[in-house]
Structure formats: structure tokens, C-alpha cells
PDB file of N, CA and C in Angstrom:
ATOM      1  N   MET A   1    -143.827-168.288  33.028  1.00  0.00           N
ATOM      2  CA  MET A   1    -145.226-168.282  33.463  1.00  0.00           C
ATOM      3  C   MET A   1    -146.173-169.028  32.612  1.00  0.00           C
ATOM      4  N   TYR A   2    -147.150-169.671  33.075  1.00  0.00           N
ATOM      5  CA  TYR A   2    -148.192-170.368  32.288  1.00  0.00           C
ATOM      6  C   TYR A   2    -149.581-169.665  32.445  1.00  0.00           C
ATOM      7  N   PHE A   3    -150.107-169.445  31.173  1.00  0.00           N
ATOM      8  CA  PHE A   3    -151.342-168.676  31.159  1.00  0.00           C
ATOM      9  C   PHE A   3    -152.490-169.373  30.667  1.00  0.00           C
ATOM     10  N   HIS A   4    -152.248-170.742  30.613  1.00  0.00           N
ATOM     11  CA  HIS A   4    -153.387-171.623  29.969  1.00  0.00           C
ATOM     12  C   HIS A   4    -154.677-171.540  30.908  1.00  0.00           C
ATOM     13  N   GLY A   5    -154.504-171.688  32.154  1.00  0.00           N
ATOM     14  CA  GLY A   5    -155.627-171.587  33.133  1.00  0.00           C
ATOM     15  C   GLY A   5    -156.338-170.160  32.989  1.00  0.00           C
ATOM     16  N   LEU A   6    -155.553-169.148  32.886  1.00  0.00           N
ATOM     17  CA  LEU A   6    -156.059-167.882  32.958  1.00  0.00           C
ATOM     18  C   LEU A   6    -156.865-167.592  31.559  1.00  0.00           C
ATOM     19  N   PHE A   7    -156.333-168.157  30.594  1.00  0.00           N
ATOM     20  CA  PHE A   7    -157.151-168.027  29.334  1.00  0.00           C
ATOM     21  C   PHE A   7    -158.430-168.724  29.268  1.00  0.00           C
ATOM     22  N   ALA A   8    -158.331-170.067  29.924  1.00  0.00           N
ATOM     23  CA  ALA A   8    -159.578-170.836  30.020  1.00  0.00           C
ATOM     24  C   ALA A   8    -160.624-170.236  30.992  1.00  0.00           C
ATOM     25  N   GLY A   9    -160.147-169.445  31.897  1.00  0.00           N
ATOM     26  CA  GLY A   9    -161.049-168.824  32.843  1.00  0.00           C
ATOM     27  C   GLY A   9    -161.693-167.597  32.132  1.00  0.00           C
ATOM     28  N   ILE A  10    -160.883-166.778  31.368  1.00  0.00           N
ATOM     29  CA  ILE A  10    -161.480-165.729  30.503  1.00  0.00           C
ATOM     30  C   ILE A  10    -162.631-166.226  29.487  1.00  0.00           C
ATOM     31  N   ALA A  11    -162.131-167.422  28.829  1.00  0.00           N
ATOM     32  CA  ALA A  11    -162.972-167.904  27.909  1.00  0.00           C
ATOM     33  C   ALA A  11    -164.293-168.337  28.500  1.00  0.00           C
ATOM     34  N   ALA A  12    -164.146-169.039  29.735  1.00  0.00           N
ATOM     35  CA  ALA A  12    -165.480-169.524  30.462  1.00  0.00           C
ATOM     36  C   ALA A  12    -166.263-168.248  30.885  1.00  0.00           C
ATOM     37  N   LEU A  13    -165.662-167.195  31.242  1.00  0.00           N
ATOM     38  CA  LEU A  13    -166.485-165.981  31.642  1.00  0.00           C
ATOM     39  C   LEU A  13    -167.105-165.490  30.368  1.00  0.00           C
ATOM     40  N   VAL A  14    -166.409-165.329  29.252  1.00  0.00           N
ATOM     41  CA  VAL A  14    -167.049-164.983  28.027  1.00  0.00           C
ATOM     42  C   VAL A  14    -168.204-165.786  27.496  1.00  0.00           C
ATOM     43  N   ILE A  15    -168.057-167.108  27.571  1.00  0.00           N
ATOM     44  CA  ILE A  15    -169.033-168.067  27.065  1.00  0.00           C
ATOM     45  C   ILE A  15    -170.261-167.869  27.906  1.00  0.00           C
ATOM     46  N   ILE A  16    -170.107-167.927  29.266  1.00  0.00           N
ATOM     47  CA  ILE A  16    -171.175-167.825  30.053  1.00  0.00           C
ATOM     48  C   ILE A  16    -171.910-166.388  29.879  1.00  0.00           C
ATOM     49  N   GLY A  17    -171.109-165.425  29.699  1.00  0.00           N
ATOM     50  CA  GLY A  17    -171.739-164.038  29.494  1.00  0.00           C
ATOM     51  C   GLY A  17    -172.605-164.074  28.166  1.00  0.00           C
ATOM     52  N   LEU A  18    -172.079-164.701  27.184  1.00  0.00           N
ATOM     53  CA  LEU A  18    -172.732-164.801  25.965  1.00  0.00           C
ATOM     54  C   LEU A  18    -174.152-165.532  26.072  1.00  0.00           C
ATOM     55  N   PHE A  19    -174.216-166.647  26.960  1.00  0.00           N
ATOM     56  CA  PHE A  19    -175.319-167.422  27.078  1.00  0.00           C
ATOM     57  C   PHE A  19    -176.429-166.745  27.876  1.00  0.00           C
ATOM     58  N   HIS A  20    -176.094-165.726  28.831  1.00  0.00           N
ATOM     59  CA  HIS A  20    -176.993-165.140  29.727  1.00  0.00           C
ATOM     60  C   HIS A  20    -178.201-164.447  28.713  1.00  0.00           C
ATOM     61  N   PRO A  21    -177.870-163.634  27.855  1.00  0.00           N
ATOM     62  CA  PRO A  21    -178.900-162.974  27.013  1.00  0.00           C
ATOM     63  C   PRO A  21    -179.616-164.137  26.180  1.00  0.00           C
ATOM     64  N   VAL A  22    -178.939-165.076  25.720  1.00  0.00           N
ATOM     65  CA  VAL A  22    -179.567-166.086  24.941  1.00  0.00           C
ATOM     66  C   VAL A  22    -180.595-166.814  25.711  1.00  0.00           C
ATOM     67  N   VAL A  23    -180.339-167.055  27.011  1.00  0.00           N
ATOM     68  CA  VAL A  23    -181.429-167.591  27.870  1.00  0.00           C
ATOM     69  C   VAL A  23    -182.753-166.689  28.091  1.00  0.00           C
ATOM     70  N   ILE A  24    -182.337-165.461  28.164  1.00  0.00           N
ATOM     71  CA  ILE A  24    -183.487-164.451  28.540  1.00  0.00           C
ATOM     72  C   ILE A  24    -184.208-164.319  27.291  1.00  0.00           C
ATOM     73  N   LYS A  25    -183.641-164.079  26.047  1.00  0.00           N
ATOM     74  CA  LYS A  25    -184.365-164.012  24.853  1.00  0.00           C
ATOM     75  C   LYS A  25    -185.049-165.293  24.524  1.00  0.00           C
ATOM     76  N   GLY A  26    -184.470-166.310  24.653  1.00  0.00           N
ATOM     77  CA  GLY A  26    -185.073-167.664  24.438  1.00  0.00           C
ATOM     78  C   GLY A  26    -186.349-167.975  25.213  1.00  0.00           C
ATOM     79  N   GLU A  27    -186.276-167.563  26.498  1.00  0.00           N
ATOM     80  CA  GLU A  27    -187.553-167.693  27.333  1.00  0.00           C
ATOM     81  C   GLU A  27    -188.596-166.721  26.868  1.00  0.00           C
ATOM     82  N   TYR A  28    -188.088-165.482  26.624  1.00  0.00           N
ATOM     83  CA  TYR A  28    -189.106-164.516  26.193  1.00  0.00           C
ATOM     84  C   TYR A  28    -189.852-164.892  24.802  1.00  0.00           C
ATOM     85  N   HIS A  29    -189.230-165.421  23.945  1.00  0.00           N
ATOM     86  CA  HIS A  29    -189.783-165.733  22.721  1.00  0.00           C
ATOM     87  C   HIS A  29    -190.412-167.177  22.668  1.00  0.00           C
ATOM     88  N   PHE A  30    -189.802-168.101  23.200  1.00  0.00           N
ATOM     89  CA  PHE A  30    -190.308-169.593  23.174  1.00  0.00           C
ATOM     90  C   PHE A  30    -190.707-170.226  24.440  1.00  0.00           C
ATOM     91  N   GLY A  31    -190.443-169.577  25.549  1.00  0.00           N
ATOM     92  CA  GLY A  31    -190.692-170.159  26.975  1.00  0.00           C
ATOM     93  C   GLY A  31    -189.823-171.305  27.136  1.00  0.00           C
ATOM     94  N   LYS A  32    -190.021-171.993  28.293  1.00  0.00           N
ATOM     95  CA  LYS A  32    -189.183-173.015  28.685  1.00  0.00           C
ATOM     96  C   LYS A  32    -189.177-174.305  27.775  1.00  0.00           C
ATOM     97  N   ARG A  33    -190.087-174.293  26.800  1.00  0.00           N
ATOM     98  CA  ARG A  33    -190.221-175.464  25.901  1.00  0.00           C
ATOM     99  C   ARG A  33    -188.943-175.548  24.915  1.00  0.00           C
ATOM    100  N   ILE A  34    -187.933-174.671  25.031  1.00  0.00           N
ATOM    101  CA  ILE A  34    -186.797-174.812  24.033  1.00  0.00           C
ATOM    102  C   ILE A  34    -185.723-175.568  24.900  1.00  0.00           C
ATOM    103  N   TRP A  35    -186.003-176.090  26.122  1.00  0.00           N
ATOM    104  CA  TRP A  35    -184.948-176.713  26.834  1.00  0.00           C
ATOM    105  C   TRP A  35    -184.240-177.982  25.946  1.00  0.00           C
ATOM    106  N   PRO A  36    -185.087-178.596  25.232  1.00  0.00           N
ATOM    107  CA  PRO A  36    -184.394-179.763  24.512  1.00  0.00           C
ATOM    108  C   PRO A  36    -183.254-179.342  23.535  1.00  0.00           C
ATOM    109  N   PHE A  37    -183.345-178.023  22.903  1.00  0.00           N
ATOM    110  CA  PHE A  37    -182.421-177.319  22.201  1.00  0.00           C
ATOM    111  C   PHE A  37    -181.094-177.298  22.942  1.00  0.00           C
ATOM    112  N   PHE A  38    -181.231-176.800  24.180  1.00  0.00           N
ATOM    113  CA  PHE A  38    -180.018-176.731  25.003  1.00  0.00           C
ATOM    114  C   PHE A  38    -179.298-177.941  25.305  1.00  0.00           C
ATOM    115  N   LEU A  39    -180.255-178.980  25.546  1.00  0.00           N
ATOM    116  CA  LEU A  39    -179.720-180.357  25.786  1.00  0.00           C
ATOM    117  C   LEU A  39    -179.054-181.033  24.744  1.00  0.00           C
ATOM    118  N   ILE A  40    -179.638-180.911  23.562  1.00  0.00           N
ATOM    119  CA  ILE A  40    -178.922-181.538  22.215  1.00  0.00           C
ATOM    120  C   ILE A  40    -177.668-180.769  21.960  1.00  0.00           C
ATOM    121  N   THR A  41    -177.700-179.475  22.070  1.00  0.00           N
ATOM    122  CA  THR A  41    -176.594-178.578  21.800  1.00  0.00           C
ATOM    123  C   THR A  41    -175.540-178.951  22.816  1.00  0.00           C
ATOM    124  N   GLY A  42    -175.808-179.003  24.073  1.00  0.00           N
ATOM    125  CA  GLY A  42    -174.768-179.498  25.064  1.00  0.00           C
ATOM    126  C   GLY A  42    -174.301-180.734  24.788  1.00  0.00           C
ATOM    127  N   LEU A  43    -175.115-181.764  24.361  1.00  0.00           N
ATOM    128  CA  LEU A  43    -174.575-183.011  24.205  1.00  0.00           C
ATOM    129  C   LEU A  43    -173.553-183.093  22.915  1.00  0.00           C
ATOM    130  N   GLY A  44    -173.875-182.274  22.007  1.00  0.00           N
ATOM    131  CA  GLY A  44    -173.082-182.083  20.868  1.00  0.00           C
ATOM    132  C   GLY A  44    -171.752-181.608  21.233  1.00  0.00           C
ATOM    133  N   PHE A  45    -171.695-180.447  21.835  1.00  0.00           N
ATOM    134  CA  PHE A  45    -170.480-179.770  22.327  1.00  0.00           C
ATOM    135  C   PHE A  45    -169.638-180.715  23.255  1.00  0.00           C
ATOM    136  N   THR A  46    -170.322-181.384  24.126  1.00  0.00           N
ATOM    137  CA  THR A  46    -169.564-182.196  25.005  1.00  0.00           C
ATOM    138  C   THR A  46    -169.080-183.518  24.216  1.00  0.00           C
ATOM    139  N   ALA A  47    -169.696-183.954  23.283  1.00  0.00           N
ATOM    140  CA  ALA A  47    -169.224-185.194  22.455  1.00  0.00           C
ATOM    141  C   ALA A  47    -168.123-184.594  21.673  1.00  0.00           C
ATOM    142  N   ALA A  48    -168.093-183.468  21.173  1.00  0.00           N
ATOM    143  CA  ALA A  48    -167.003-182.922  20.278  1.00  0.00           C
ATOM    144  C   ALA A  48    -165.877-182.589  21.140  1.00  0.00           C
ATOM    145  N   ALA A  49    -165.987-182.225  22.397  1.00  0.00           N
ATOM    146  CA  ALA A  49    -164.908-182.031  23.321  1.00  0.00           C
ATOM    147  C   ALA A  49    -164.102-183.364  23.656  1.00  0.00           C
ATOM    148  N   CYS A  50    -164.948-184.565  23.663  1.00  0.00           N
ATOM    149  CA  CYS A  50    -164.282-185.856  23.902  1.00  0.00           C
ATOM    150  C   CYS A  50    -163.515-186.288  22.550  1.00  0.00           C
ATOM    151  N   ILE A  51    -163.901-185.820  21.380  1.00  0.00           N
ATOM    152  CA  ILE A  51    -163.352-186.271  20.220  1.00  0.00           C
ATOM    153  C   ILE A  51    -162.075-185.490  19.784  1.00  0.00           C
ATOM    154  N   VAL A  52    -162.132-184.134  19.934  1.00  0.00           N
ATOM    155  CA  VAL A  52    -161.145-183.161  19.633  1.00  0.00           C
ATOM    156  C   VAL A  52    -159.836-183.503  20.317  1.00  0.00           C
ATOM    157  N   SER A  53    -158.779-183.563  19.627  1.00  0.00           N
ATOM    158  CA  SER A  53    -157.408-183.875  20.343  1.00  0.00           C
ATOM    159  C   SER A  53    -156.677-182.535  20.846  1.00  0.00           C
ATOM    160  N   HIS A  54    -156.949-181.463  20.311  1.00  0.00           N
ATOM    161  CA  HIS A  54    -156.322-180.265  20.812  1.00  0.00           C
ATOM    162  C   HIS A  54    -156.847-179.856  22.093  1.00  0.00           C
ATOM    163  N   ALA A  55    -155.919-179.718  23.058  1.00  0.00           N
ATOM    164  CA  ALA A  55    -156.428-179.552  24.424  1.00  0.00           C
ATOM    165  C   ALA A  55    -157.267-178.293  24.676  1.00  0.00           C
ATOM    166  N   TYR A  56    -156.828-177.136  24.048  1.00  0.00           N
ATOM    167  CA  TYR A  56    -157.579-175.890  24.242  1.00  0.00           C
ATOM    168  C   TYR A  56    -158.793-175.861  23.590  1.00  0.00           C
ATOM    169  N   LEU A  57    -159.070-176.313  22.490  1.00  0.00           N
ATOM    170  CA  LEU A  57    -160.290-176.456  21.739  1.00  0.00           C
ATOM    171  C   LEU A  57    -161.208-177.362  22.497  1.00  0.00           C
ATOM    172  N   SER A  58    -160.606-178.572  22.961  1.00  0.00           N
ATOM    173  CA  SER A  58    -161.494-179.443  23.793  1.00  0.00           C
ATOM    174  C   SER A  58    -161.968-178.721  24.935  1.00  0.00           C
ATOM    175  N   ALA A  59    -161.129-177.980  25.696  1.00  0.00           N
ATOM    176  CA  ALA A  59    -161.636-177.169  26.933  1.00  0.00           C
ATOM    177  C   ALA A  59    -162.713-176.223  26.602  1.00  0.00           C
ATOM    178  N   LEU A  60    -162.484-175.521  25.449  1.00  0.00           N
ATOM    179  CA  LEU A  60    -163.608-174.604  25.068  1.00  0.00           C
ATOM    180  C   LEU A  60    -164.941-175.198  24.636  1.00  0.00           C
ATOM    181  N   LEU A  61    -164.863-176.342  24.045  1.00  0.00           N
ATOM    182  CA  LEU A  61    -166.072-177.070  23.691  1.00  0.00           C
ATOM    183  C   LEU A  61    -166.676-177.680  24.867  1.00  0.00           C
ATOM    184  N   GLY A  62    -165.897-178.259  25.854  1.00  0.00           N
ATOM    185  CA  GLY A  62    -166.419-178.687  27.084  1.00  0.00           C
ATOM    186  C   GLY A  62    -167.097-177.536  27.932  1.00  0.00           C
ATOM    187  N   ILE A  63    -166.447-176.426  27.902  1.00  0.00           N
ATOM    188  CA  ILE A  63    -167.018-175.216  28.735  1.00  0.00           C
ATOM    189  C   ILE A  63    -168.444-174.947  28.089  1.00  0.00           C
ATOM    190  N   THR A  64    -168.461-174.835  26.710  1.00  0.00           N
ATOM    191  CA  THR A  64    -169.619-174.454  25.945  1.00  0.00           C
ATOM    192  C   THR A  64    -170.804-175.457  26.230  1.00  0.00           C
ATOM    193  N   GLY A  65    -170.364-176.667  26.187  1.00  0.00           N
ATOM    194  CA  GLY A  65    -171.360-177.839  26.339  1.00  0.00           C
ATOM    195  C   GLY A  65    -171.857-177.757  27.862  1.00  0.00           C
ATOM    196  N   PHE A  66    -171.221-177.599  28.829  1.00  0.00           N
ATOM    197  CA  PHE A  66    -171.676-177.606  30.204  1.00  0.00           C
ATOM    198  C   PHE A  66    -172.479-176.280  30.468  1.00  0.00           C
ATOM    199  N   THR A  67    -172.076-175.143  29.789  1.00  0.00           N
ATOM    200  CA  THR A  67    -172.806-174.007  29.811  1.00  0.00           C
ATOM    201  C   THR A  67    -174.169-174.181  29.195  1.00  0.00           C
ATOM    202  N   CYS A  68    -174.362-175.065  28.177  1.00  0.00           N
ATOM    203  CA  CYS A  68    -175.722-175.296  27.624  1.00  0.00           C
ATOM    204  C   CYS A  68    -176.540-176.075  28.620  1.00  0.00           C
ATOM    205  N   PHE A  69    -175.874-177.022  29.319  1.00  0.00           N
ATOM    206  CA  PHE A  69    -176.732-177.773  30.390  1.00  0.00           C
ATOM    207  C   PHE A  69    -177.080-176.766  31.437  1.00  0.00           C
ATOM    208  N   TRP A  70    -176.267-175.977  31.880  1.00  0.00           N
ATOM    209  CA  TRP A  70    -176.687-174.945  32.909  1.00  0.00           C
ATOM    210  C   TRP A  70    -177.698-174.139  32.406  1.00  0.00           C
ATOM    211  N   SER A  71    -177.672-173.764  31.162  1.00  0.00           N
ATOM    212  CA  SER A  71    -178.793-172.871  30.631  1.00  0.00           C
ATOM    213  C   SER A  71    -180.161-173.486  30.731  1.00  0.00           C
ATOM    214  N   ILE A  72    -180.275-174.878  30.797  1.00  0.00           N
ATOM    215  CA  ILE A  72    -181.563-175.460  31.038  1.00  0.00           C
ATOM    216  C   ILE A  72    -182.123-175.086  32.159  1.00  0.00           C
ATOM    217  N   LYS A  73    -181.344-175.164  33.338  1.00  0.00           N
ATOM    218  CA  LYS A  73    -181.662-174.764  34.648  1.00  0.00           C
ATOM    219  C   LYS A  73    -182.033-173.302  34.756  1.00  0.00           C
ATOM    220  N   GLU A  74    -181.276-172.477  34.052  1.00  0.00           N
ATOM    221  CA  GLU A  74    -181.529-171.019  34.004  1.00  0.00           C
ATOM    222  C   GLU A  74    -182.729-170.740  33.334  1.00  0.00           C
ATOM    223  N   LEU A  75    -183.026-171.520  32.275  1.00  0.00           N
ATOM    224  CA  LEU A  75    -184.235-171.241  31.438  1.00  0.00           C
ATOM    225  C   LEU A  75    -185.514-171.471  32.363  1.00  0.00           C
ATOM    226  N   PHE A  76    -185.609-172.510  33.287  1.00  0.00           N
ATOM    227  CA  PHE A  76    -186.642-172.679  34.133  1.00  0.00           C
ATOM    228  C   PHE A  76    -186.625-171.631  35.288  1.00  0.00           C
ATOM    229  N   ASP A  77    -185.457-171.116  35.693  1.00  0.00           N
ATOM    230  CA  ASP A  77    -185.367-170.128  36.752  1.00  0.00           C
ATOM    231  C   ASP A  77    -185.888-168.703  36.154  1.00  0.00           C
ATOM    232  N   GLN A  78    -185.587-168.643  34.821  1.00  0.00           N
ATOM    233  CA  GLN A  78    -186.003-167.314  34.094  1.00  0.00           C
ATOM    234  C   GLN A  78    -187.532-167.255  34.095  1.00  0.00           C
ATOM    235  N   GLU A  79    -188.142-168.388  33.875  1.00  0.00           N
ATOM    236  CA  GLU A  79    -189.600-168.497  33.784  1.00  0.00           C
ATOM    237  C   GLU A  79    -190.063-167.906  35.107  1.00  0.00           C
ATOM    238  N   GLU A  80    -189.465-168.325  36.268  1.00  0.00           N
ATOM    239  CA  GLU A  80    -189.943-167.841  37.651  1.00  0.00           C
ATOM    240  C   GLU A  80    -189.690-166.362  37.896  1.00  0.00           C
ATOM    241  N   ARG A  81    -188.537-165.891  37.291  1.00  0.00           N
ATOM    242  CA  ARG A  81    -188.239-164.412  37.302  1.00  0.00           C
ATOM    243  C   ARG A  81    -189.239-163.634  36.689  1.00  0.00           C
ATOM    244  N   VAL A  82    -189.693-164.081  35.568  1.00  0.00           N
ATOM    245  CA  VAL A  82    -190.823-163.521  34.691  1.00  0.00           C
ATOM    246  C   VAL A  82    -192.043-163.510  35.507  1.00  0.00           C
ATOM    247  N   LYS A  83    -192.394-164.528  36.235  1.00  0.00           N
ATOM    248  CA  LYS A  83    -193.699-164.650  37.052  1.00  0.00           C
ATOM    249  C   LYS A  83    -193.615-163.714  38.165  1.00  0.00           C
ATOM    250  N   ARG A  84    -192.475-163.421  38.723  1.00  0.00           N
ATOM    251  CA  ARG A  84    -192.249-162.505  39.738  1.00  0.00           C
ATOM    252  C   ARG A  84    -192.180-160.988  39.372  1.00  0.00           C
ATOM    253  N   GLY A  85    -192.171-160.757  38.051  1.00  0.00           N
ATOM    254  CA  GLY A  85    -192.177-159.538  37.432  1.00  0.00           C
ATOM    255  C   GLY A  85    -190.682-158.874  37.316  1.00  0.00           C
ATOM    256  N   TRP A  86    -189.749-159.705  37.510  1.00  0.00           N
ATOM    257  CA  TRP A  86    -188.400-159.171  37.471  1.00  0.00           C
ATOM    258  C   TRP A  86    -187.956-158.899  36.004  1.00  0.00           C
ATOM    259  N   PHE A  87    -188.639-159.703  35.032  1.00  0.00           N
ATOM    260  CA  PHE A  87    -188.300-159.510  33.560  1.00  0.00           C
ATOM    261  C   PHE A  87    -189.680-159.482  32.881  1.00  0.00           C
ATOM    262  N   PRO A  88    -189.721-158.773  31.726  1.00  0.00           N
ATOM    263  CA  PRO A  88    -191.122-158.672  31.020  1.00  0.00           C
ATOM    264  C   PRO A  88    -191.546-159.886  30.433  1.00  0.00           C
ATOM    265  N   ARG A  89    -192.985-160.096  30.539  1.00  0.00           N
ATOM    266  CA  ARG A  89    -193.465-161.340  29.839  1.00  0.00           C
ATOM    267  C   ARG A  89    -193.876-160.930  28.452  1.00  0.00           C
ATOM    268  N   ASN A  90    -193.728-161.869  27.428  1.00  0.00           N
ATOM    269  CA  ASN A  90    -194.004-161.765  26.215  1.00  0.00           C
ATOM    270  C   ASN A  90    -195.581-161.670  25.961  1.00  0.00           C
ATOM    271  N   PRO A  91    -196.058-160.572  25.569  1.00  0.00           N
ATOM    272  CA  PRO A  91    -197.553-160.518  25.442  1.00  0.00           C
ATOM    273  C   PRO A  91    -198.231-161.394  24.382  1.00  0.00           C
ATOM    274  N   SER A  92    -197.269-161.548  23.360  1.00  0.00           N
ATOM    275  CA  SER A  92    -197.948-162.500  22.121  1.00  0.00           C
ATOM    276  C   SER A  92    -197.776-163.875  22.353  1.00  0.00           C
ATOM    277  N   ARG A  93    -197.338-164.299  23.547  1.00  0.00           N
ATOM    278  CA  ARG A  93    -197.155-165.799  23.773  1.00  0.00           C
ATOM    279  C   ARG A  93    -198.097-166.155  24.895  1.00  0.00           C
ATOM    280  N   ASN A  94    -198.858-167.277  24.635  1.00  0.00           N
ATOM    281  CA  ASN A  94    -199.694-167.844  25.629  1.00  0.00           C
ATOM    282  C   ASN A  94    -199.007-168.166  26.991  1.00  0.00           C
ATOM    283  N   PRO A  95    -199.515-167.827  28.146  1.00  0.00           N
ATOM    284  CA  PRO A  95    -198.929-168.176  29.379  1.00  0.00           C
ATOM    285  C   PRO A  95    -199.121-169.665  29.753  1.00  0.00           C
ATOM    286  N   ALA A  96    -198.626-170.545  29.018  1.00  0.00           N
ATOM    287  CA  ALA A  96    -198.780-171.986  29.169  1.00  0.00           C
ATOM    288  C   ALA A  96    -197.972-172.543  30.244  1.00  0.00           C
TER     289      ALA A  96
END
């Protein structure tokens, strides 16, 4: 039996699960203006995935990179969730 795909799926689930609170806390403390951080980080992980020769490490780096890209969308969606009252707004941050 081959478990490589299973391990990649579990790793993807864990990585996405770790990014969920990062997006929520990031939006709470900094707003959507931190999206360039996710873009640069995602580009870095994606570039590293193209350079690394180890297949499993490359897959993990690629999954992390594209999770960073998806986090940009989620960051803007999180701002909308805050406006709807589904998540708390940071009272010390200006509603810009």
C-alpha cells in the first residue's frame, strides 16, 4: 500500500487548520492591510517548493505557499465577517 497521498492530505489539513487562526488574529490586530505579508510569504514558499528536490518537502512547501495565497482571500472575507458581527472588532484599531 502507498500512503504518500494520505500523508499529503493530512499535512494539507493541518497546514490549513493552522492558518485559520492566523488569519483571524491577523485581521483582528492589523486589518486587511497585512495581505502583502501573505503574498510575499506565499511566493517564498512556492519558490522554495520549485527548488527543493525532495518530493515530500516540496509538496509541503507548495501546500503552505498556496495556503498563504488562499489566506489573502480569507483575510478580506474575515473583514466582512467582522462587519456582520460574526467576529469581534478590535476596539483599539481604527475602522479604516
